[in-house]
Amino acid sequence: MKSPVVKRSIVVAGHKTSVSLEEAFWNGMKEISGLRNITLSELVGEIDSNRQQGNLSSAIRLFVLDYFRSRAQAAAVPAEKAPAE
């Protein structure tokens, strides 16, 4: 059985490192970097430089989760109350 976690090498701030993430997170990062018109390495570099603690894989997962959560909240339109009859 194939593992759902995919390990890939990436260059971050000029240093090669390996990151293990589920395919959904890799896809999310590719989407975000494409929308921001930056490379995947640049995006991971930003995430790495802004993380407070924990490992890089965890920081990436939290970043992707927060990004899509924020988009979902921005897209949600509050339901208007129906006028009283």
PDB file of N, CA and C in Angstrom:
ATOM      1  N   MET A   1       0.844  -1.185   0.000  1.00  0.00           N
ATOM      2  CA  MET A   1       0.000   0.000   0.000  1.00  0.00           C
ATOM      3  C   MET A   1       0.882   1.238   0.000  1.00  0.00           C
ATOM      4  N   LYS A   2       0.555   2.185  -0.873  1.00  0.00           N
ATOM      5  CA  LYS A   2       1.337   3.409  -0.998  1.00  0.00           C
ATOM      6  C   LYS A   2       1.029   4.360   0.164  1.00  0.00           C
ATOM      7  N   SER A   3       2.075   4.952   0.718  1.00  0.00           N
ATOM      8  CA  SER A   3       1.915   5.901   1.817  1.00  0.00           C
ATOM      9  C   SER A   3       1.275   7.185   1.302  1.00  0.00           C
ATOM     10  N   PRO A   4       0.345   7.777   2.075  1.00  0.00           N
ATOM     11  CA  PRO A   4      -0.262   9.040   1.654  1.00  0.00           C
ATOM     12  C   PRO A   4       0.697  10.222   1.803  1.00  0.00           C
ATOM     13  N   VAL A   5       1.804  10.021   2.491  1.00  0.00           N
ATOM     14  CA  VAL A   5       2.782  11.084   2.692  1.00  0.00           C
ATOM     15  C   VAL A   5       3.838  10.983   1.600  1.00  0.00           C
ATOM     16  N   VAL A   6       4.101  12.124   0.946  1.00  0.00           N
ATOM     17  CA  VAL A   6       5.072  12.182  -0.140  1.00  0.00           C
ATOM     18  C   VAL A   6       6.255  13.020   0.323  1.00  0.00           C
ATOM     19  N   LYS A   7       7.452  12.451   0.190  1.00  0.00           N
ATOM     20  CA  LYS A   7       8.671  13.154   0.584  1.00  0.00           C
ATOM     21  C   LYS A   7       9.313  13.738  -0.669  1.00  0.00           C
ATOM     22  N   ARG A   8       9.576  15.051  -0.642  1.00  0.00           N
ATOM     23  CA  ARG A   8      10.188  15.731  -1.782  1.00  0.00           C
ATOM     24  C   ARG A   8      11.338  16.599  -1.309  1.00  0.00           C
ATOM     25  N   SER A   9      12.312  16.747  -2.182  1.00  0.00           N
ATOM     26  CA  SER A   9      13.430  17.648  -1.907  1.00  0.00           C
ATOM     27  C   SER A   9      13.092  19.023  -2.459  1.00  0.00           C
ATOM     28  N   ILE A  10      13.477  20.050  -1.717  1.00  0.00           N
ATOM     29  CA  ILE A  10      13.214  21.423  -2.121  1.00  0.00           C
ATOM     30  C   ILE A  10      14.355  22.300  -1.625  1.00  0.00           C
ATOM     31  N   VAL A  11      14.661  23.343  -2.362  1.00  0.00           N
ATOM     32  CA  VAL A  11      15.706  24.280  -1.963  1.00  0.00           C
ATOM     33  C   VAL A  11      15.043  25.430  -1.224  1.00  0.00           C
ATOM     34  N   VAL A  12      15.486  25.658   0.006  1.00  0.00           N
ATOM     35  CA  VAL A  12      14.953  26.735   0.844  1.00  0.00           C
ATOM     36  C   VAL A  12      16.117  27.605   1.270  1.00  0.00           C
ATOM     37  N   ALA A  13      16.075  28.874   0.883  1.00  0.00           N
ATOM     38  CA  ALA A  13      17.130  29.833   1.219  1.00  0.00           C
ATOM     39  C   ALA A  13      18.509  29.296   0.817  1.00  0.00           C
ATOM     40  N   GLY A  14      18.573  28.680  -0.353  1.00  0.00           N
ATOM     41  CA  GLY A  14      19.842  28.183  -0.868  1.00  0.00           C
ATOM     42  C   GLY A  14      20.290  26.846  -0.327  1.00  0.00           C
ATOM     43  N   HIS A  15      19.490  26.234   0.530  1.00  0.00           N
ATOM     44  CA  HIS A  15      19.848  24.943   1.124  1.00  0.00           C
ATOM     45  C   HIS A  15      18.826  23.892   0.726  1.00  0.00           C
ATOM     46  N   LYS A  16      19.300  22.738   0.308  1.00  0.00           N
ATOM     47  CA  LYS A  16      18.413  21.642  -0.064  1.00  0.00           C
ATOM     48  C   LYS A  16      17.931  20.926   1.199  1.00  0.00           C
ATOM     49  N   THR A  17      16.629  20.682   1.256  1.00  0.00           N
ATOM     50  CA  THR A  17      16.047  19.978   2.390  1.00  0.00           C
ATOM     51  C   THR A  17      14.939  19.065   1.887  1.00  0.00           C
ATOM     52  N   SER A  18      14.529  18.138   2.701  1.00  0.00           N
ATOM     53  CA  SER A  18      13.423  17.244   2.362  1.00  0.00           C
ATOM     54  C   SER A  18      12.215  17.592   3.214  1.00  0.00           C
ATOM     55  N   VAL A  19      11.062  17.542   2.579  1.00  0.00           N
ATOM     56  CA  VAL A  19       9.811  17.833   3.274  1.00  0.00           C
ATOM     57  C   VAL A  19       8.838  16.703   2.976  1.00  0.00           C
ATOM     58  N   SER A  20       8.218  16.169   4.028  1.00  0.00           N
ATOM     59  CA  SER A  20       7.229  15.100   3.885  1.00  0.00           C
ATOM     60  C   SER A  20       5.841  15.659   4.155  1.00  0.00           C
ATOM     61  N   LEU A  21       4.984  15.600   3.128  1.00  0.00           N
ATOM     62  CA  LEU A  21       3.622  16.107   3.229  1.00  0.00           C
ATOM     63  C   LEU A  21       2.671  15.204   2.462  1.00  0.00           C
ATOM     64  N   GLU A  22       1.429  15.235   2.846  1.00  0.00           N
ATOM     65  CA  GLU A  22       0.392  14.559   2.082  1.00  0.00           C
ATOM     66  C   GLU A  22       0.230  15.289   0.742  1.00  0.00           C
ATOM     67  N   GLU A  23      -0.193  14.543  -0.263  1.00  0.00           N
ATOM     68  CA  GLU A  23      -0.328  15.103  -1.617  1.00  0.00           C
ATOM     69  C   GLU A  23      -1.247  16.330  -1.631  1.00  0.00           C
ATOM     70  N   ALA A  24      -2.295  16.335  -0.819  1.00  0.00           N
ATOM     71  CA  ALA A  24      -3.222  17.469  -0.779  1.00  0.00           C
ATOM     72  C   ALA A  24      -2.510  18.759  -0.367  1.00  0.00           C
ATOM     73  N   PHE A  25      -1.547  18.662   0.544  1.00  0.00           N
ATOM     74  CA  PHE A  25      -0.810  19.855   0.962  1.00  0.00           C
ATOM     75  C   PHE A  25       0.157  20.315  -0.122  1.00  0.00           C
ATOM     76  N   TRP A  26       0.791  19.357  -0.824  1.00  0.00           N
ATOM     77  CA  TRP A  26       1.642  19.736  -1.961  1.00  0.00           C
ATOM     78  C   TRP A  26       0.798  20.466  -3.000  1.00  0.00           C
ATOM     79  N   ASN A  27      -0.378  19.936  -3.300  1.00  0.00           N
ATOM     80  CA  ASN A  27      -1.254  20.574  -4.279  1.00  0.00           C
ATOM     81  C   ASN A  27      -1.703  21.959  -3.824  1.00  0.00           C
ATOM     82  N   GLY A  28      -2.017  22.087  -2.536  1.00  0.00           N
ATOM     83  CA  GLY A  28      -2.402  23.391  -1.995  1.00  0.00           C
ATOM     84  C   GLY A  28      -1.286  24.403  -2.112  1.00  0.00           C
ATOM     85  N   MET A  29      -0.058  23.975  -1.817  1.00  0.00           N
ATOM     86  CA  MET A  29       1.083  24.898  -1.936  1.00  0.00           C
ATOM     87  C   MET A  29       1.309  25.302  -3.387  1.00  0.00           C
ATOM     88  N   LYS A  30       1.163  24.360  -4.311  1.00  0.00           N
ATOM     89  CA  LYS A  30       1.324  24.691  -5.734  1.00  0.00           C
ATOM     90  C   LYS A  30       0.283  25.718  -6.159  1.00  0.00           C
ATOM     91  N   GLU A  31      -0.954  25.552  -5.694  1.00  0.00           N
ATOM     92  CA  GLU A  31      -2.013  26.500  -6.023  1.00  0.00           C
ATOM     93  C   GLU A  31      -1.703  27.890  -5.459  1.00  0.00           C
ATOM     94  N   ILE A  32      -1.295  27.946  -4.198  1.00  0.00           N
ATOM     95  CA  ILE A  32      -0.992  29.220  -3.556  1.00  0.00           C
ATOM     96  C   ILE A  32       0.184  29.905  -4.257  1.00  0.00           C
ATOM     97  N   SER A  33       1.253  29.165  -4.528  1.00  0.00           N
ATOM     98  CA  SER A  33       2.415  29.779  -5.176  1.00  0.00           C
ATOM     99  C   SER A  33       2.052  30.264  -6.575  1.00  0.00           C
ATOM    100  N   GLY A  34       1.192  29.526  -7.281  1.00  0.00           N
ATOM    101  CA  GLY A  34       0.753  29.967  -8.602  1.00  0.00           C
ATOM    102  C   GLY A  34      -0.063  31.246  -8.537  1.00  0.00           C
ATOM    103  N   LEU A  35      -0.971  31.322  -7.573  1.00  0.00           N
ATOM    104  CA  LEU A  35      -1.790  32.527  -7.405  1.00  0.00           C
ATOM    105  C   LEU A  35      -0.949  33.741  -7.015  1.00  0.00           C
ATOM    106  N   ARG A  36       0.110  33.494  -6.257  1.00  0.00           N
ATOM    107  CA  ARG A  36       0.988  34.581  -5.822  1.00  0.00           C
ATOM    108  C   ARG A  36       2.128  34.842  -6.800  1.00  0.00           C
ATOM    109  N   ASN A  37       2.185  34.038  -7.865  1.00  0.00           N
ATOM    110  CA  ASN A  37       3.206  34.173  -8.901  1.00  0.00           C
ATOM    111  C   ASN A  37       4.624  34.086  -8.333  1.00  0.00           C
ATOM    112  N   ILE A  38       4.830  33.118  -7.442  1.00  0.00           N
ATOM    113  CA  ILE A  38       6.151  32.846  -6.893  1.00  0.00           C
ATOM    114  C   ILE A  38       6.415  31.349  -7.013  1.00  0.00           C
ATOM    115  N   THR A  39       7.670  30.965  -6.875  1.00  0.00           N
ATOM    116  CA  THR A  39       8.004  29.545  -6.959  1.00  0.00           C
ATOM    117  C   THR A  39       7.626  28.839  -5.657  1.00  0.00           C
ATOM    118  N   LEU A  40       7.536  27.532  -5.756  1.00  0.00           N
ATOM    119  CA  LEU A  40       7.273  26.716  -4.574  1.00  0.00           C
ATOM    120  C   LEU A  40       8.387  26.918  -3.547  1.00  0.00           C
ATOM    121  N   SER A  41       9.620  26.997  -4.005  1.00  0.00           N
ATOM    122  CA  SER A  41      10.757  27.219  -3.098  1.00  0.00           C
ATOM    123  C   SER A  41      10.647  28.564  -2.383  1.00  0.00           C
ATOM    124  N   GLU A  42      10.207  29.588  -3.100  1.00  0.00           N
ATOM    125  CA  GLU A  42      10.039  30.901  -2.464  1.00  0.00           C
ATOM    126  C   GLU A  42       8.947  30.861  -1.409  1.00  0.00           C
ATOM    127  N   LEU A  43       7.854  30.174  -1.718  1.00  0.00           N
ATOM    128  CA  LEU A  43       6.765  30.060  -0.748  1.00  0.00           C
ATOM    129  C   LEU A  43       7.223  29.314   0.494  1.00  0.00           C
ATOM    130  N   VAL A  44       7.911  28.198   0.310  1.00  0.00           N
ATOM    131  CA  VAL A  44       8.408  27.432   1.460  1.00  0.00           C
ATOM    132  C   VAL A  44       9.412  28.271   2.248  1.00  0.00           C
ATOM    133  N   GLY A  45      10.222  29.067   1.561  1.00  0.00           N
ATOM    134  CA  GLY A  45      11.154  29.955   2.249  1.00  0.00           C
ATOM    135  C   GLY A  45      10.438  30.961   3.139  1.00  0.00           C
ATOM    136  N   GLU A  46       9.335  31.519   2.636  1.00  0.00           N
ATOM    137  CA  GLU A  46       8.532  32.455   3.441  1.00  0.00           C
ATOM    138  C   GLU A  46       7.965  31.762   4.669  1.00  0.00           C
ATOM    139  N   ILE A  47       7.402  30.578   4.453  1.00  0.00           N
ATOM    140  CA  ILE A  47       6.819  29.822   5.562  1.00  0.00           C
ATOM    141  C   ILE A  47       7.892  29.505   6.593  1.00  0.00           C
ATOM    142  N   ASP A  48       9.052  29.083   6.123  1.00  0.00           N
ATOM    143  CA  ASP A  48      10.165  28.727   7.010  1.00  0.00           C
ATOM    144  C   ASP A  48      10.629  29.927   7.827  1.00  0.00           C
ATOM    145  N   SER A  49      10.746  31.081   7.187  1.00  0.00           N
ATOM    146  CA  SER A  49      11.251  32.258   7.907  1.00  0.00           C
ATOM    147  C   SER A  49      10.239  32.829   8.892  1.00  0.00           C
ATOM    148  N   ASN A  50       8.949  32.530   8.686  1.00  0.00           N
ATOM    149  CA  ASN A  50       7.910  33.072   9.576  1.00  0.00           C
ATOM    150  C   ASN A  50       7.457  32.102  10.655  1.00  0.00           C
ATOM    151  N   ARG A  51       7.932  30.862  10.619  1.00  0.00           N
ATOM    152  CA  ARG A  51       7.445  29.894  11.613  1.00  0.00           C
ATOM    153  C   ARG A  51       8.033  30.198  12.986  1.00  0.00           C
ATOM    154  N   GLN A  52       7.212  29.993  13.987  1.00  0.00           N
ATOM    155  CA  GLN A  52       7.597  30.282  15.367  1.00  0.00           C
ATOM    156  C   GLN A  52       8.230  29.070  16.034  1.00  0.00           C
ATOM    157  N   GLN A  53       7.743  27.894  15.698  1.00  0.00           N
ATOM    158  CA  GLN A  53       8.228  26.670  16.337  1.00  0.00           C
ATOM    159  C   GLN A  53       7.811  25.481  15.497  1.00  0.00           C
ATOM    160  N   GLY A  54       8.197  24.313  15.905  1.00  0.00           N
ATOM    161  CA  GLY A  54       7.813  23.100  15.194  1.00  0.00           C
ATOM    162  C   GLY A  54       8.655  22.873  13.958  1.00  0.00           C
ATOM    163  N   ASN A  55       8.386  21.760  13.302  1.00  0.00           N
ATOM    164  CA  ASN A  55       9.168  21.445  12.120  1.00  0.00           C
ATOM    165  C   ASN A  55       8.551  22.072  10.876  1.00  0.00           C
ATOM    166  N   LEU A  56       9.301  22.072   9.794  1.00  0.00           N
ATOM    167  CA  LEU A  56       8.866  22.728   8.563  1.00  0.00           C
ATOM    168  C   LEU A  56       7.597  22.096   8.002  1.00  0.00           C
ATOM    169  N   SER A  57       7.493  20.781   8.018  1.00  0.00           N
ATOM    170  CA  SER A  57       6.288  20.122   7.493  1.00  0.00           C
ATOM    171  C   SER A  57       5.035  20.578   8.242  1.00  0.00           C
ATOM    172  N   SER A  58       5.125  20.681   9.550  1.00  0.00           N
ATOM    173  CA  SER A  58       3.982  21.143  10.345  1.00  0.00           C
ATOM    174  C   SER A  58       3.649  22.595  10.019  1.00  0.00           C
ATOM    175  N   ALA A  59       4.678  23.421   9.876  1.00  0.00           N
ATOM    176  CA  ALA A  59       4.463  24.834   9.549  1.00  0.00           C
ATOM    177  C   ALA A  59       3.772  24.978   8.196  1.00  0.00           C
ATOM    178  N   ILE A  60       4.155  24.151   7.232  1.00  0.00           N
ATOM    179  CA  ILE A  60       3.528  24.194   5.912  1.00  0.00           C
ATOM    180  C   ILE A  60       2.069  23.780   6.006  1.00  0.00           C
ATOM    181  N   ARG A  61       1.784  22.699   6.719  1.00  0.00           N
ATOM    182  CA  ARG A  61       0.395  22.248   6.864  1.00  0.00           C
ATOM    183  C   ARG A  61      -0.471  23.349   7.486  1.00  0.00           C
ATOM    184  N   LEU A  62       0.037  23.988   8.541  1.00  0.00           N
ATOM    185  CA  LEU A  62      -0.721  25.050   9.199  1.00  0.00           C
ATOM    186  C   LEU A  62      -0.910  26.248   8.283  1.00  0.00           C
ATOM    187  N   PHE A  63       0.108  26.594   7.498  1.00  0.00           N
ATOM    188  CA  PHE A  63       0.006  27.701   6.557  1.00  0.00           C
ATOM    189  C   PHE A  63      -1.069  27.431   5.511  1.00  0.00           C
ATOM    190  N   VAL A  64      -1.040  26.241   4.909  1.00  0.00           N
ATOM    191  CA  VAL A  64      -2.011  25.889   3.871  1.00  0.00           C
ATOM    192  C   VAL A  64      -3.425  25.859   4.465  1.00  0.00           C
ATOM    193  N   LEU A  65      -3.572  25.270   5.632  1.00  0.00           N
ATOM    194  CA  LEU A  65      -4.872  25.235   6.295  1.00  0.00           C
ATOM    195  C   LEU A  65      -5.395  26.645   6.535  1.00  0.00           C
ATOM    196  N   ASP A  66      -4.557  27.515   7.074  1.00  0.00           N
ATOM    197  CA  ASP A  66      -4.960  28.887   7.367  1.00  0.00           C
ATOM    198  C   ASP A  66      -5.320  29.644   6.088  1.00  0.00           C
ATOM    199  N   TYR A  67      -4.537  29.435   5.028  1.00  0.00           N
ATOM    200  CA  TYR A  67      -4.786  30.114   3.759  1.00  0.00           C
ATOM    201  C   TYR A  67      -6.177  29.765   3.228  1.00  0.00           C
ATOM    202  N   PHE A  68      -6.479  28.474   3.146  1.00  0.00           N
ATOM    203  CA  PHE A  68      -7.766  28.074   2.586  1.00  0.00           C
ATOM    204  C   PHE A  68      -8.923  28.343   3.543  1.00  0.00           C
ATOM    205  N   ARG A  69      -8.674  28.297   4.840  1.00  0.00           N
ATOM    206  CA  ARG A  69      -9.709  28.659   5.818  1.00  0.00           C
ATOM    207  C   ARG A  69     -10.075  30.135   5.657  1.00  0.00           C
ATOM    208  N   SER A  70      -9.069  30.988   5.500  1.00  0.00           N
ATOM    209  CA  SER A  70      -9.313  32.423   5.314  1.00  0.00           C
ATOM    210  C   SER A  70     -10.097  32.689   4.036  1.00  0.00           C
ATOM    211  N   ARG A  71      -9.752  31.977   2.972  1.00  0.00           N
ATOM    212  CA  ARG A  71     -10.482  32.140   1.708  1.00  0.00           C
ATOM    213  C   ARG A  71     -11.925  31.704   1.853  1.00  0.00           C
ATOM    214  N   ALA A  72     -12.149  30.618   2.573  1.00  0.00           N
ATOM    215  CA  ALA A  72     -13.511  30.120   2.762  1.00  0.00           C
ATOM    216  C   ALA A  72     -14.341  31.109   3.574  1.00  0.00           C
ATOM    217  N   GLN A  73     -13.729  31.690   4.598  1.00  0.00           N
ATOM    218  CA  GLN A  73     -14.445  32.663   5.424  1.00  0.00           C
ATOM    219  C   GLN A  73     -14.763  33.921   4.625  1.00  0.00           C
ATOM    220  N   ALA A  74     -13.832  34.350   3.778  1.00  0.00           N
ATOM    221  CA  ALA A  74     -14.048  35.548   2.964  1.00  0.00           C
ATOM    222  C   ALA A  74     -15.154  35.318   1.935  1.00  0.00           C
ATOM    223  N   ALA A  75     -15.279  34.085   1.478  1.00  0.00           N
ATOM    224  CA  ALA A  75     -16.282  33.770   0.464  1.00  0.00           C
ATOM    225  C   ALA A  75     -17.670  33.550   1.060  1.00  0.00           C
ATOM    226  N   ALA A  76     -17.726  33.294   2.358  1.00  0.00           N
ATOM    227  CA  ALA A  76     -19.010  33.032   3.002  1.00  0.00           C
ATOM    228  C   ALA A  76     -19.798  34.341   3.093  1.00  0.00           C
ATOM    229  N   VAL A  77     -21.024  34.266   2.639  1.00  0.00           N
ATOM    230  CA  VAL A  77     -21.905  35.439   2.695  1.00  0.00           C
ATOM    231  C   VAL A  77     -22.914  35.193   3.798  1.00  0.00           C
ATOM    232  N   PRO A  78     -22.982  36.104   4.767  1.00  0.00           N
ATOM    233  CA  PRO A  78     -23.971  35.892   5.838  1.00  0.00           C
ATOM    234  C   PRO A  78     -25.386  35.879   5.283  1.00  0.00           C
ATOM    235  N   ALA A  79     -26.171  34.951   5.777  1.00  0.00           N
ATOM    236  CA  ALA A  79     -27.558  34.846   5.330  1.00  0.00           C
ATOM    237  C   ALA A  79     -28.345  36.047   5.825  1.00  0.00           C
ATOM    238  N   GLU A  80     -29.088  36.663   4.919  1.00  0.00           N
ATOM    239  CA  GLU A  80     -29.911  37.803   5.327  1.00  0.00           C
ATOM    240  C   GLU A  80     -31.194  37.285   5.947  1.00  0.00           C
ATOM    241  N   LYS A  81     -31.645  38.005   6.934  1.00  0.00           N
ATOM    242  CA  LYS A  81     -32.897  37.609   7.579  1.00  0.00           C
ATOM    243  C   LYS A  81     -34.060  37.947   6.663  1.00  0.00           C
ATOM    244  N   ALA A  82     -34.985  37.043   6.621  1.00  0.00           N
ATOM    245  CA  ALA A  82     -36.188  37.273   5.809  1.00  0.00           C
ATOM    246  C   ALA A  82     -37.036  38.363   6.478  1.00  0.00           C
ATOM    247  N   PRO A  83     -37.649  39.230   5.684  1.00  0.00           N
ATOM    248  CA  PRO A  83     -38.472  40.290   6.287  1.00  0.00           C
ATOM    249  C   PRO A  83     -39.673  39.691   7.031  1.00  0.00           C
ATOM    250  N   ALA A  84     -40.017  40.301   8.138  1.00  0.00           N
ATOM    251  CA  ALA A  84     -41.158  39.839   8.939  1.00  0.00           C
ATOM    252  C   ALA A  84     -42.450  40.168   8.200  1.00  0.00           C
ATOM    253  N   GLU A  85     -43.372  39.239   8.236  1.00  0.00           N
ATOM    254  CA  GLU A  85     -44.668  39.469   7.548  1.00  0.00           C
ATOM    255  C   GLU A  85     -45.753  39.660   8.542  1.00  0.00           C
TER     256      GLU A  85
END
